[in-house]
PDB file of N, CA and C in Angstrom:
ATOM      1  N   UNK A   1      76.512 151.687 124.121  1.00  0.00           N
ATOM      2  CA  UNK A   1      76.104 150.342 124.370  1.00  0.00           C
ATOM      3  C   UNK A   1      75.926 149.534 123.088  1.00  0.00           C
ATOM      4  N   UNK A   2      75.961 150.131 121.955  1.00  0.00           N
ATOM      5  CA  UNK A   2      75.838 149.443 120.685  1.00  0.00           C
ATOM      6  C   UNK A   2      77.204 149.254 120.039  1.00  0.00           C
ATOM      7  N   UNK A   3      78.093 148.659 120.760  1.00  0.00           N
ATOM      8  CA  UNK A   3      79.437 148.409 120.230  1.00  0.00           C
ATOM      9  C   UNK A   3      79.464 147.035 119.576  1.00  0.00           C
ATOM     10  N   UNK A   4      79.046 146.947 118.365  1.00  0.00           N
ATOM     11  CA  UNK A   4      79.007 145.680 117.631  1.00  0.00           C
ATOM     12  C   UNK A   4      80.359 145.427 116.977  1.00  0.00           C
ATOM     13  N   UNK A   5      80.740 144.185 116.969  1.00  0.00           N
ATOM     14  CA  UNK A   5      81.992 143.792 116.333  1.00  0.00           C
ATOM     15  C   UNK A   5      81.668 143.346 114.914  1.00  0.00           C
ATOM     16  N   UNK A   6      82.387 143.899 113.978  1.00  0.00           N
ATOM     17  CA  UNK A   6      82.179 143.504 112.587  1.00  0.00           C
ATOM     18  C   UNK A   6      83.419 142.787 112.081  1.00  0.00           C
ATOM     19  N   UNK A   7      83.188 141.714 111.391  1.00  0.00           N
ATOM     20  CA  UNK A   7      84.278 140.949 110.795  1.00  0.00           C
ATOM     21  C   UNK A   7      84.180 141.068 109.284  1.00  0.00           C
ATOM     22  N   UNK A   8      85.302 141.296 108.651  1.00  0.00           N
ATOM     23  CA  UNK A   8      85.268 141.353 107.189  1.00  0.00           C
ATOM     24  C   UNK A   8      84.915 139.985 106.601  1.00  0.00           C
ATOM     25  N   UNK A   9      84.249 139.993 105.469  1.00  0.00           N
ATOM     26  CA  UNK A   9      83.852 138.756 104.797  1.00  0.00           C
ATOM     27  C   UNK A   9      85.084 137.938 104.411  1.00  0.00           C
ATOM     28  N   UNK A  10      86.162 138.615 104.070  1.00  0.00           N
ATOM     29  CA  UNK A  10      87.393 137.910 103.679  1.00  0.00           C
ATOM     30  C   UNK A  10      87.933 137.076 104.826  1.00  0.00           C
ATOM     31  N   UNK A  11      87.845 137.565 106.049  1.00  0.00           N
ATOM     32  CA  UNK A  11      88.321 136.802 107.206  1.00  0.00           C
ATOM     33  C   UNK A  11      87.478 135.536 107.397  1.00  0.00           C
ATOM     34  N   UNK A  12      86.188 135.668 107.247  1.00  0.00           N
ATOM     35  CA  UNK A  12      85.303 134.514 107.420  1.00  0.00           C
ATOM     36  C   UNK A  12      85.578 133.473 106.333  1.00  0.00           C
ATOM     37  N   UNK A  13      85.717 133.930 105.103  1.00  0.00           N
ATOM     38  CA  UNK A  13      86.012 133.000 104.006  1.00  0.00           C
ATOM     39  C   UNK A  13      87.384 132.350 104.186  1.00  0.00           C
ATOM     40  N   UNK A  14      88.359 133.121 104.636  1.00  0.00           N
ATOM     41  CA  UNK A  14      89.697 132.569 104.855  1.00  0.00           C
ATOM     42  C   UNK A  14      89.671 131.521 105.966  1.00  0.00           C
ATOM     43  N   UNK A  15      88.920 131.793 107.015  1.00  0.00           N
ATOM     44  CA  UNK A  15      88.808 130.833 108.116  1.00  0.00           C
ATOM     45  C   UNK A  15      88.147 129.541 107.642  1.00  0.00           C
ATOM     46  N   UNK A  16      87.108 129.674 106.856  1.00  0.00           N
ATOM     47  CA  UNK A  16      86.449 128.481 106.327  1.00  0.00           C
ATOM     48  C   UNK A  16      87.383 127.710 105.398  1.00  0.00           C
ATOM     49  N   UNK A  17      88.162 128.409 104.608  1.00  0.00           N
ATOM     50  CA  UNK A  17      89.119 127.755 103.721  1.00  0.00           C
ATOM     51  C   UNK A  17      90.198 127.016 104.487  1.00  0.00           C
ATOM     52  N   UNK A  18      90.710 127.634 105.557  1.00  0.00           N
ATOM     53  CA  UNK A  18      91.738 126.980 106.378  1.00  0.00           C
ATOM     54  C   UNK A  18      91.163 125.744 107.046  1.00  0.00           C
ATOM     55  N   UNK A  19      89.970 125.862 107.609  1.00  0.00           N
ATOM     56  CA  UNK A  19      89.354 124.695 108.251  1.00  0.00           C
ATOM     57  C   UNK A  19      89.106 123.574 107.248  1.00  0.00           C
ATOM     58  N   UNK A  20      88.663 123.923 106.052  1.00  0.00           N
ATOM     59  CA  UNK A  20      88.448 122.909 105.020  1.00  0.00           C
ATOM     60  C   UNK A  20      89.738 122.216 104.624  1.00  0.00           C
ATOM     61  N   UNK A  21      90.810 122.977 104.505  1.00  0.00           N
ATOM     62  CA  UNK A  21      92.085 122.366 104.124  1.00  0.00           C
ATOM     63  C   UNK A  21      92.640 121.498 105.245  1.00  0.00           C
ATOM     64  N   UNK A  22      92.444 121.892 106.489  1.00  0.00           N
ATOM     65  CA  UNK A  22      92.891 121.063 107.617  1.00  0.00           C
ATOM     66  C   UNK A  22      92.113 119.748 107.636  1.00  0.00           C
ATOM     67  N   UNK A  23      90.803 119.833 107.442  1.00  0.00           N
ATOM     68  CA  UNK A  23      89.991 118.620 107.431  1.00  0.00           C
ATOM     69  C   UNK A  23      90.392 117.716 106.263  1.00  0.00           C
ATOM     70  N   UNK A  24      90.652 118.298 105.112  1.00  0.00           N
ATOM     71  CA  UNK A  24      91.060 117.503 103.952  1.00  0.00           C
ATOM     72  C   UNK A  24      92.415 116.844 104.185  1.00  0.00           C
ATOM     73  N   UNK A  25      93.338 117.553 104.805  1.00  0.00           N
ATOM     74  CA  UNK A  25      94.652 116.987 105.101  1.00  0.00           C
ATOM     75  C   UNK A  25      94.536 115.823 106.074  1.00  0.00           C
ATOM     76  N   UNK A  26      93.751 116.004 107.134  1.00  0.00           N
ATOM     77  CA  UNK A  26      93.567 114.922 108.099  1.00  0.00           C
ATOM     78  C   UNK A  26      92.880 113.720 107.471  1.00  0.00           C
ATOM     79  N   UNK A  27      91.914 113.966 106.616  1.00  0.00           N
ATOM     80  CA  UNK A  27      91.243 112.859 105.932  1.00  0.00           C
ATOM     81  C   UNK A  27      92.219 112.112 105.035  1.00  0.00           C
ATOM     82  N   UNK A  28      93.107 112.819 104.368  1.00  0.00           N
ATOM     83  CA  UNK A  28      94.111 112.171 103.530  1.00  0.00           C
ATOM     84  C   UNK A  28      95.065 111.321 104.332  1.00  0.00           C
ATOM     85  N   UNK A  29      95.477 111.821 105.488  1.00  0.00           N
ATOM     86  CA  UNK A  29      96.381 111.058 106.360  1.00  0.00           C
ATOM     87  C   UNK A  29      95.690 109.795 106.864  1.00  0.00           C
ATOM     88  N   UNK A  30      94.452 109.918 107.297  1.00  0.00           N
ATOM     89  CA  UNK A  30      93.706 108.757 107.794  1.00  0.00           C
ATOM     90  C   UNK A  30      93.499 107.742 106.676  1.00  0.00           C
ATOM     91  N   UNK A  31      93.151 108.213 105.473  1.00  0.00           N
ATOM     92  CA  UNK A  31      92.931 107.303 104.350  1.00  0.00           C
ATOM     93  C   UNK A  31      94.202 106.539 103.994  1.00  0.00           C
ATOM     94  N   UNK A  32      95.329 107.236 103.924  1.00  0.00           N
ATOM     95  CA  UNK A  32      96.572 106.548 103.559  1.00  0.00           C
ATOM     96  C   UNK A  32      96.992 105.563 104.640  1.00  0.00           C
ATOM     97  N   UNK A  33      96.772 105.915 105.897  1.00  0.00           N
ATOM     98  CA  UNK A  33      97.110 105.009 106.992  1.00  0.00           C
ATOM     99  C   UNK A  33      96.258 103.749 106.941  1.00  0.00           C
ATOM    100  N   UNK A  34      94.958 103.909 106.770  1.00  0.00           N
ATOM    101  CA  UNK A  34      94.078 102.745 106.701  1.00  0.00           C
ATOM    102  C   UNK A  34      94.341 101.915 105.452  1.00  0.00           C
ATOM    103  N   UNK A  35      94.671 102.572 104.347  1.00  0.00           N
ATOM    104  CA  UNK A  35      94.972 101.852 103.117  1.00  0.00           C
ATOM    105  C   UNK A  35      96.224 100.989 103.288  1.00  0.00           C
ATOM    106  N   UNK A  36      97.225 101.516 103.967  1.00  0.00           N
ATOM    107  CA  UNK A  36      98.442 100.746 104.210  1.00  0.00           C
ATOM    108  C   UNK A  36      98.163  99.560 105.122  1.00  0.00           C
ATOM    109  N   UNK A  37      97.335  99.763 106.133  1.00  0.00           N
ATOM    110  CA  UNK A  37      96.998  98.653 107.035  1.00  0.00           C
ATOM    111  C   UNK A  37      96.239  97.560 106.298  1.00  0.00           C
ATOM    112  N   UNK A  38      95.295  97.945 105.471  1.00  0.00           N
ATOM    113  CA  UNK A  38      94.510  96.959 104.722  1.00  0.00           C
ATOM    114  C   UNK A  38      95.400  96.180 103.765  1.00  0.00           C
ATOM    115  N   UNK A  39      96.344  96.860 103.128  1.00  0.00           N
ATOM    116  CA  UNK A  39      97.263  96.178 102.220  1.00  0.00           C
ATOM    117  C   UNK A  39      98.121  95.165 102.984  1.00  0.00           C
ATOM    118  N   UNK A  40      98.579  95.539 104.174  1.00  0.00           N
ATOM    119  CA  UNK A  40      99.382  94.617 104.979  1.00  0.00           C
ATOM    120  C   UNK A  40      98.544  93.419 105.416  1.00  0.00           C
ATOM    121  N   UNK A  41      97.295  93.669 105.792  1.00  0.00           N
ATOM    122  CA  UNK A  41      96.430  92.564 106.204  1.00  0.00           C
ATOM    123  C   UNK A  41      96.113  91.647 105.027  1.00  0.00           C
ATOM    124  N   UNK A  42      95.972  92.208 103.838  1.00  0.00           N
ATOM    125  CA  UNK A  42      95.720  91.381 102.659  1.00  0.00           C
ATOM    126  C   UNK A  42      96.882  90.437 102.393  1.00  0.00           C
ATOM    127  N   UNK A  43      98.116  90.926 102.590  1.00  0.00           N
ATOM    128  CA  UNK A  43      99.288  90.060 102.404  1.00  0.00           C
ATOM    129  C   UNK A  43      99.286  88.931 103.419  1.00  0.00           C
ATOM    130  N   UNK A  44      98.952  89.244 104.660  1.00  0.00           N
ATOM    131  CA  UNK A  44      98.922  88.220 105.705  1.00  0.00           C
ATOM    132  C   UNK A  44      97.844  87.186 105.395  1.00  0.00           C
ATOM    133  N   UNK A  45      96.669  87.654 104.986  1.00  0.00           N
ATOM    134  CA  UNK A  45      95.568  86.744 104.669  1.00  0.00           C
ATOM    135  C   UNK A  45      95.944  85.838 103.500  1.00  0.00           C
ATOM    136  N   UNK A  46      96.610  86.387 102.489  1.00  0.00           N
ATOM    137  CA  UNK A  46      97.006  85.575 101.340  1.00  0.00           C
ATOM    138  C   UNK A  46      97.986  84.477 101.763  1.00  0.00           C
ATOM    139  N   UNK A  47      98.958  84.831 102.623  1.00  0.00           N
ATOM    140  CA  UNK A  47      99.914  83.825 103.097  1.00  0.00           C
ATOM    141  C   UNK A  47      99.209  82.743 103.911  1.00  0.00           C
ATOM    142  N   UNK A  48      98.247  83.146 104.737  1.00  0.00           N
ATOM    143  CA  UNK A  48      97.524  82.152 105.531  1.00  0.00           C
ATOM    144  C   UNK A  48      96.688  81.237 104.647  1.00  0.00           C
ATOM    145  N   UNK A  49      96.077  81.787 103.604  1.00  0.00           N
ATOM    146  CA  UNK A  49      95.303  80.949 102.689  1.00  0.00           C
ATOM    147  C   UNK A  49      96.206  79.963 101.965  1.00  0.00           C
ATOM    148  N   UNK A  50      97.399  80.389 101.586  1.00  0.00           N
ATOM    149  CA  UNK A  50      98.343  79.474 100.944  1.00  0.00           C
ATOM    150  C   UNK A  50      98.771  78.367 101.905  1.00  0.00           C
ATOM    151  N   UNK A  51      98.987  78.729 103.177  1.00  0.00           N
ATOM    152  CA  UNK A  51      99.349  77.714 104.168  1.00  0.00           C
ATOM    153  C   UNK A  51      98.218  76.710 104.369  1.00  0.00           C
ATOM    154  N   UNK A  52      96.997  77.194 104.410  1.00  0.00           N
ATOM    155  CA  UNK A  52      95.862  76.304 104.608  1.00  0.00           C
ATOM    156  C   UNK A  52      95.709  75.347 103.422  1.00  0.00           C
ATOM    157  N   UNK A  53      95.839  75.874 102.220  1.00  0.00           N
ATOM    158  CA  UNK A  53      95.698  74.994 101.054  1.00  0.00           C
ATOM    159  C   UNK A  53      96.846  73.980 100.999  1.00  0.00           C
ATOM    160  N   UNK A  54      98.027  74.381 101.429  1.00  0.00           N
ATOM    161  CA  UNK A  54      99.158  73.442 101.453  1.00  0.00           C
ATOM    162  C   UNK A  54      98.943  72.377 102.515  1.00  0.00           C
ATOM    163  N   UNK A  55      98.481  72.774 103.694  1.00  0.00           N
ATOM    164  CA  UNK A  55      98.289  71.812 104.780  1.00  0.00           C
ATOM    165  C   UNK A  55      97.075  70.927 104.549  1.00  0.00           C
ATOM    166  N   UNK A  56      96.119  71.384 103.760  1.00  0.00           N
ATOM    167  CA  UNK A  56      94.924  70.578 103.507  1.00  0.00           C
ATOM    168  C   UNK A  56      95.252  69.335 102.698  1.00  0.00           C
ATOM    169  N   UNK A  57      96.377  69.342 101.999  1.00  0.00           N
ATOM    170  CA  UNK A  57      96.773  68.184 101.196  1.00  0.00           C
ATOM    171  C   UNK A  57      97.359  67.079 102.046  1.00  0.00           C
ATOM    172  N   UNK A  58      97.741  67.386 103.283  1.00  0.00           N
ATOM    173  CA  UNK A  58      98.318  66.381 104.173  1.00  0.00           C
ATOM    174  C   UNK A  58      99.807  66.234 103.937  1.00  0.00           C
ATOM    175  N   UNK A  59     100.395  65.300 104.661  1.00  0.00           N
ATOM    176  CA  UNK A  59     101.837  65.105 104.574  1.00  0.00           C
ATOM    177  C   UNK A  59     102.227  64.141 103.467  1.00  0.00           C
ATOM    178  N   UNK A  60     101.285  63.454 102.876  1.00  0.00           N
ATOM    179  CA  UNK A  60     101.580  62.534 101.788  1.00  0.00           C
ATOM    180  C   UNK A  60     101.591  61.077 102.196  1.00  0.00           C
ATOM    181  N   UNK A  61     101.591  60.817 103.482  1.00  0.00           N
ATOM    182  CA  UNK A  61     101.581  59.428 103.941  1.00  0.00           C
ATOM    183  C   UNK A  61     100.163  58.876 103.851  1.00  0.00           C
ATOM    184  N   UNK A  62     100.064  57.569 103.728  1.00  0.00           N
ATOM    185  CA  UNK A  62      98.768  56.920 103.554  1.00  0.00           C
ATOM    186  C   UNK A  62      97.869  57.128 104.754  1.00  0.00           C
ATOM    187  N   UNK A  63      98.378  57.030 105.950  1.00  0.00           N
ATOM    188  CA  UNK A  63      97.562  57.142 107.157  1.00  0.00           C
ATOM    189  C   UNK A  63      97.538  58.539 107.745  1.00  0.00           C
ATOM    190  N   UNK A  64      97.769  59.527 106.961  1.00  0.00           N
ATOM    191  CA  UNK A  64      97.829  60.907 107.450  1.00  0.00           C
ATOM    192  C   UNK A  64      96.453  61.340 107.943  1.00  0.00           C
ATOM    193  N   UNK A  65      96.371  61.656 109.247  1.00  0.00           N
ATOM    194  CA  UNK A  65      95.067  62.036 109.794  1.00  0.00           C
ATOM    195  C   UNK A  65      94.696  63.475 109.436  1.00  0.00           C
ATOM    196  N   UNK A  66      95.667  64.300 109.127  1.00  0.00           N
ATOM    197  CA  UNK A  66      95.385  65.696 108.777  1.00  0.00           C
ATOM    198  C   UNK A  66      94.625  65.771 107.450  1.00  0.00           C
ATOM    199  N   UNK A  67      94.984  64.916 106.510  1.00  0.00           N
ATOM    200  CA  UNK A  67      94.352  64.921 105.205  1.00  0.00           C
ATOM    201  C   UNK A  67      92.894  64.483 105.303  1.00  0.00           C
ATOM    202  N   UNK A  68      92.564  63.657 106.260  1.00  0.00           N
ATOM    203  CA  UNK A  68      91.222  63.122 106.367  1.00  0.00           C
ATOM    204  C   UNK A  68      90.279  64.036 107.155  1.00  0.00           C
ATOM    205  N   UNK A  69      90.753  65.109 107.691  1.00  0.00           N
ATOM    206  CA  UNK A  69      89.895  66.015 108.497  1.00  0.00           C
ATOM    207  C   UNK A  69      89.051  66.874 107.658  1.00  0.00           C
TER     208      UNK A  69
END
């Protein structure tokens, strides 16, 4: 009735190492994905800011209502 299962220390350490490397790999994938998305959003935001600054000047006509807003 005392049939205990023993695991070698090397197996436990190897399992912990594999789990750590899997977690590190997934974290790297998530980081690179989010970094790419943020870079794309920064480009979009920059273009929108340029459009806003261009449109804020109005069309150049004297009675331009956009310039007066």
